[in-house]
N, C-alpha and C. Protein backbone atom coordinates (compact mmCIF):
# COMPACT_ATOMS: atom_id res chain seq x y z
N MET A 1 10.04 -9.61 1.14
CA MET A 1 8.63 -9.33 1.74
C MET A 1 8.63 -8.10 2.24
N GLU A 2 9.55 -7.68 3.24
CA GLU A 2 9.54 -6.71 3.89
C GLU A 2 9.57 -5.45 3.26
N TYR A 3 9.89 -5.18 2.04
CA TYR A 3 9.61 -4.00 0.94
C TYR A 3 8.71 -4.15 0.66
N LEU A 4 8.04 -5.29 0.02
CA LEU A 4 6.67 -5.26 -0.32
C LEU A 4 5.52 -4.94 0.46
N CYS A 5 5.81 -5.34 1.79
CA CYS A 5 4.82 -4.97 2.84
C CYS A 5 4.95 -3.28 3.07
N ARG A 6 6.04 -2.75 2.89
CA ARG A 6 6.05 -1.32 3.31
C ARG A 6 5.35 -0.75 2.09
N PHE A 7 5.60 -1.17 0.84
CA PHE A 7 5.22 -0.55 -0.73
C PHE A 7 3.58 -0.64 -0.27
N LEU A 8 3.26 -1.80 -0.16
CA LEU A 8 1.51 -2.23 0.15
C LEU A 8 1.01 -1.19 1.03
N GLY A 9 1.58 -1.02 2.07
CA GLY A 9 1.01 -0.27 3.51
C GLY A 9 0.71 1.28 2.94
N GLU A 10 2.06 1.75 2.15
CA GLU A 10 1.91 3.20 1.63
C GLU A 10 0.84 3.20 0.46
N GLN A 11 0.33 2.39 -0.20
CA GLN A 11 -0.41 2.46 -1.19
C GLN A 11 -1.77 2.52 -1.11
N MET A 12 -2.13 2.10 0.34
CA MET A 12 -3.51 2.11 0.74
C MET A 12 -4.26 3.54 0.44
N ARG A 13 -5.77 3.38 -0.11
CA ARG A 13 -6.27 4.35 -0.80
C ARG A 13 -6.53 5.70 0.09
N HIS A 14 -7.33 5.59 1.48
CA HIS A 14 -7.46 6.64 2.32
C HIS A 14 -6.17 6.92 3.15
N ALA A 15 -5.40 6.22 3.62
CA ALA A 15 -4.56 6.32 4.70
C ALA A 15 -3.63 4.98 4.64
N PRO A 16 -2.23 5.41 5.13
CA PRO A 16 -1.27 4.38 4.82
C PRO A 16 -2.02 3.41 6.01
N LEU A 17 -1.62 2.09 5.89
CA LEU A 17 -2.25 0.98 6.94
C LEU A 17 -0.83 0.23 7.00
N PRO A 18 -0.54 -0.58 8.31
CA PRO A 18 0.48 -1.46 8.38
C PRO A 18 -0.06 -2.94 7.50
N VAL A 19 0.78 -3.50 6.85
CA VAL A 19 0.80 -4.35 6.11
C VAL A 19 2.11 -5.24 6.94
N ILE A 20 1.48 -6.46 7.27
CA ILE A 20 2.27 -7.68 8.12
C ILE A 20 2.27 -8.73 7.14
N ASP A 21 3.61 -9.12 7.09
CA ASP A 21 4.26 -10.46 6.42
C ASP A 21 3.84 -11.61 7.16
N LYS A 22 2.98 -12.39 6.49
CA LYS A 22 2.52 -13.61 6.97
C LYS A 22 2.65 -15.02 6.49
N THR A 23 3.28 -14.61 5.28
CA THR A 23 3.81 -15.67 4.35
C THR A 23 4.95 -16.64 4.86
N GLY A 24 5.88 -16.18 5.58
CA GLY A 24 6.70 -17.44 5.96
C GLY A 24 7.92 -17.24 5.05
N LEU A 25 7.83 -16.65 3.74
CA LEU A 25 8.64 -16.38 2.75
C LEU A 25 9.92 -15.67 3.22
N THR A 26 11.15 -16.20 2.97
CA THR A 26 12.32 -15.41 3.24
C THR A 26 13.19 -14.93 2.20
N GLU A 27 12.87 -15.68 0.95
CA GLU A 27 14.01 -15.58 -0.02
C GLU A 27 13.66 -14.00 -0.70
N THR A 28 14.55 -13.92 -1.50
CA THR A 28 14.36 -12.28 -2.57
C THR A 28 13.66 -12.66 -3.86
N TYR A 29 12.75 -11.94 -4.08
CA TYR A 29 11.76 -12.38 -5.38
C TYR A 29 12.15 -11.16 -6.29
N ASP A 30 11.78 -11.37 -7.74
CA ASP A 30 12.24 -10.46 -8.19
C ASP A 30 10.61 -10.50 -9.43
N PHE A 31 9.84 -9.54 -9.56
CA PHE A 31 8.49 -9.62 -10.35
C PHE A 31 7.64 -8.32 -10.74
N THR A 32 6.96 -8.60 -11.67
CA THR A 32 6.30 -7.00 -11.92
C THR A 32 4.83 -7.24 -11.81
N LEU A 33 4.22 -6.05 -11.23
CA LEU A 33 2.92 -6.05 -11.12
C LEU A 33 2.26 -5.15 -11.95
N THR A 34 1.29 -5.51 -12.49
CA THR A 34 0.60 -4.61 -13.54
C THR A 34 -0.67 -4.12 -12.65
N PHE A 35 -0.86 -2.80 -12.43
CA PHE A 35 -2.23 -2.71 -11.81
C PHE A 35 -2.68 -0.98 -12.07
N VAL A 36 -4.14 -0.95 -11.86
CA VAL A 36 -4.33 0.45 -12.07
C VAL A 36 -4.10 1.09 -10.88
N PRO A 37 -3.38 2.58 -10.79
CA PRO A 37 -3.25 3.08 -9.53
C PRO A 37 -4.17 3.62 -8.84
N ASP A 38 -4.22 4.09 -7.69
CA ASP A 38 -5.03 4.62 -6.89
C ASP A 38 -5.13 6.28 -7.54
N LEU A 39 -6.14 6.61 -8.14
CA LEU A 39 -6.48 8.32 -8.79
C LEU A 39 -6.49 8.99 -8.03
N PRO A 40 -5.86 10.33 -8.44
CA PRO A 40 -6.24 11.32 -7.36
C PRO A 40 -7.40 11.88 -7.45
N PHE A 41 -7.81 12.66 -6.68
CA PHE A 41 -9.18 13.60 -6.62
C PHE A 41 -9.43 14.29 -7.67
N GLY A 42 -10.69 13.72 -8.25
CA GLY A 42 -11.26 14.55 -9.73
C GLY A 42 -10.61 13.58 -10.96
N VAL A 43 -9.62 12.46 -10.86
CA VAL A 43 -9.56 12.02 -11.72
C VAL A 43 -10.61 10.48 -11.82
N THR A 44 -10.82 10.07 -13.07
CA THR A 44 -11.63 8.78 -13.01
C THR A 44 -10.93 7.98 -13.90
N LYS A 45 -11.37 6.67 -14.04
CA LYS A 45 -10.79 5.72 -14.97
C LYS A 45 -10.78 5.68 -16.36
N ASP A 46 -11.90 6.82 -16.44
CA ASP A 46 -12.44 7.26 -17.98
C ASP A 46 -11.14 8.07 -18.41
N ASP A 47 -10.68 8.66 -17.47
CA ASP A 47 -9.57 9.91 -17.91
C ASP A 47 -8.28 9.18 -18.38
N LEU A 48 -7.93 7.62 -18.23
CA LEU A 48 -6.71 6.79 -18.30
C LEU A 48 -6.79 6.53 -19.62
N GLU A 49 -5.87 6.21 -20.09
CA GLU A 49 -5.55 5.55 -21.25
C GLU A 49 -6.15 3.98 -21.39
N PRO A 50 -6.74 3.57 -22.29
CA PRO A 50 -7.41 2.18 -22.19
C PRO A 50 -6.77 1.20 -21.72
N GLU A 51 -5.20 1.02 -22.28
CA GLU A 51 -4.47 -0.31 -21.65
C GLU A 51 -4.20 0.23 -19.88
N ILE A 52 -4.27 1.25 -19.42
CA ILE A 52 -4.08 1.31 -18.19
C ILE A 52 -5.37 1.11 -17.44
N ARG A 53 -6.48 1.58 -17.90
CA ARG A 53 -7.75 1.48 -17.55
C ARG A 53 -8.50 0.05 -17.21
N ASN A 54 -7.90 -0.90 -18.17
CA ASN A 54 -8.45 -2.07 -18.08
C ASN A 54 -7.63 -2.98 -17.33
N ARG A 55 -6.63 -2.37 -16.42
CA ARG A 55 -5.59 -3.10 -15.30
C ARG A 55 -6.74 -3.54 -14.05
N PRO A 56 -6.07 -4.57 -13.65
CA PRO A 56 -7.00 -4.93 -12.23
C PRO A 56 -6.29 -3.76 -11.04
N SER A 57 -7.03 -3.72 -9.84
CA SER A 57 -6.80 -3.08 -8.70
C SER A 57 -5.32 -3.86 -8.24
N LEU A 58 -4.79 -3.12 -7.10
CA LEU A 58 -3.33 -3.54 -6.43
C LEU A 58 -3.83 -5.01 -5.87
N PRO A 59 -4.87 -4.73 -5.06
CA PRO A 59 -5.17 -6.40 -4.36
C PRO A 59 -5.56 -7.36 -5.32
N ASP A 60 -6.15 -6.93 -6.37
CA ASP A 60 -6.73 -7.98 -7.52
C ASP A 60 -5.25 -8.56 -7.99
N ALA A 61 -4.49 -7.47 -8.41
CA ALA A 61 -3.05 -7.93 -9.39
C ALA A 61 -2.30 -8.68 -8.17
N LEU A 62 -2.37 -8.53 -6.72
CA LEU A 62 -1.55 -9.41 -6.29
C LEU A 62 -1.79 -10.78 -5.98
N GLN A 63 -3.08 -10.92 -6.22
CA GLN A 63 -3.70 -12.24 -6.21
C GLN A 63 -3.33 -12.87 -7.48
N GLN A 64 -3.99 -12.21 -8.73
CA GLN A 64 -3.95 -12.78 -9.84
C GLN A 64 -2.54 -13.05 -10.32
N GLN A 65 -1.81 -12.23 -10.10
CA GLN A 65 -0.27 -12.22 -10.71
C GLN A 65 0.75 -13.01 -10.15
N ILE A 66 0.54 -12.97 -8.69
CA ILE A 66 1.52 -13.53 -7.78
C ILE A 66 1.21 -14.24 -6.87
N GLY A 67 -0.19 -14.49 -6.55
CA GLY A 67 -0.64 -15.50 -5.82
C GLY A 67 -0.95 -15.13 -4.30
N LEU A 68 -0.22 -13.66 -4.17
CA LEU A 68 -0.74 -13.09 -2.42
C LEU A 68 -2.06 -12.43 -2.54
N ARG A 69 -2.45 -12.71 -1.05
CA ARG A 69 -3.84 -12.29 -0.96
C ARG A 69 -3.62 -11.32 0.33
N LEU A 70 -4.27 -9.89 0.31
CA LEU A 70 -4.38 -9.03 1.30
C LEU A 70 -5.64 -9.44 2.26
N VAL A 71 -5.11 -9.65 3.58
CA VAL A 71 -6.49 -9.86 4.21
C VAL A 71 -6.74 -9.03 5.45
N PRO A 72 -7.71 -8.40 5.40
CA PRO A 72 -7.98 -7.20 6.44
C PRO A 72 -8.26 -8.11 8.00
N THR A 73 -7.34 -7.26 9.05
CA THR A 73 -7.16 -7.98 10.06
C THR A 73 -7.42 -6.91 11.13
N THR A 74 -7.67 -7.22 12.34
CA THR A 74 -7.55 -6.37 13.78
C THR A 74 -6.45 -6.88 14.35
N GLY A 75 -5.57 -5.81 15.16
CA GLY A 75 -4.39 -6.52 15.93
C GLY A 75 -3.73 -5.33 16.52
N PRO A 76 -2.58 -5.35 17.30
CA PRO A 76 -1.89 -4.36 17.88
C PRO A 76 -1.45 -3.54 17.03
N ALA A 77 -1.13 -2.32 17.05
CA ALA A 77 -0.60 -1.26 16.17
C ALA A 77 0.19 -0.11 17.14
N PRO A 78 1.36 0.05 16.44
CA PRO A 78 2.13 1.28 17.24
C PRO A 78 1.20 2.52 16.97
N VAL A 79 1.20 3.28 18.17
CA VAL A 79 0.23 4.94 18.04
C VAL A 79 1.24 5.64 18.85
N TYR A 80 1.50 6.72 18.32
CA TYR A 80 2.36 7.74 18.64
C TYR A 80 1.36 9.07 19.04
N MET A 81 1.79 9.59 20.19
CA MET A 81 0.82 10.66 20.81
C MET A 81 1.91 11.86 21.19
N VAL A 82 1.59 13.01 20.74
CA VAL A 82 2.43 14.13 21.27
C VAL A 82 1.75 15.01 22.42
N ASP A 83 2.11 14.81 23.70
CA ASP A 83 1.42 15.23 24.54
C ASP A 83 2.31 16.73 25.16
N HIS A 84 3.07 17.32 24.44
CA HIS A 84 3.63 18.52 24.68
C HIS A 84 4.57 19.05 23.77
N ILE A 85 4.38 20.44 23.22
CA ILE A 85 5.13 21.17 22.34
C ILE A 85 5.53 22.55 23.10
N ASP A 86 7.00 22.62 22.79
CA ASP A 86 7.34 24.02 23.09
C ASP A 86 7.57 24.78 21.74
N HIS A 87 8.07 25.98 21.85
CA HIS A 87 8.43 27.01 20.63
C HIS A 87 9.63 26.86 20.73
N PRO A 88 10.28 26.83 19.59
CA PRO A 88 11.50 26.67 19.36
C PRO A 88 12.53 28.22 19.85
N ARG A 89 13.46 28.10 20.72
CA ARG A 89 14.33 29.17 21.38
C ARG A 89 14.82 29.91 20.18
N ALA A 90 15.06 30.86 20.46
CA ALA A 90 16.23 31.77 19.40
C ALA A 90 17.33 31.55 19.61
N ASN A 91 18.24 31.47 18.69
CA ASN A 91 19.99 31.07 18.70
C ASN A 91 20.51 32.24 19.46
């Protein structure tokens, strides 16, 4: 589940978001998800092959195909702030 959460967080449309596993599942699972990927700027679903165009979105595929649901929530998240930068020194 840790790998799946990392993958899902990276797949978020506008910016990577943390996905937290609250399933309680600890086993290893092998499954295949079929979904339409997020499309790059300027590409529409009409530009895709028909068999890809008709696939569900990633959140819908998770729920329909393996019974997992992404639920948006708020909570603490790590934030990194750069407070100082120096130019590199010559060798």
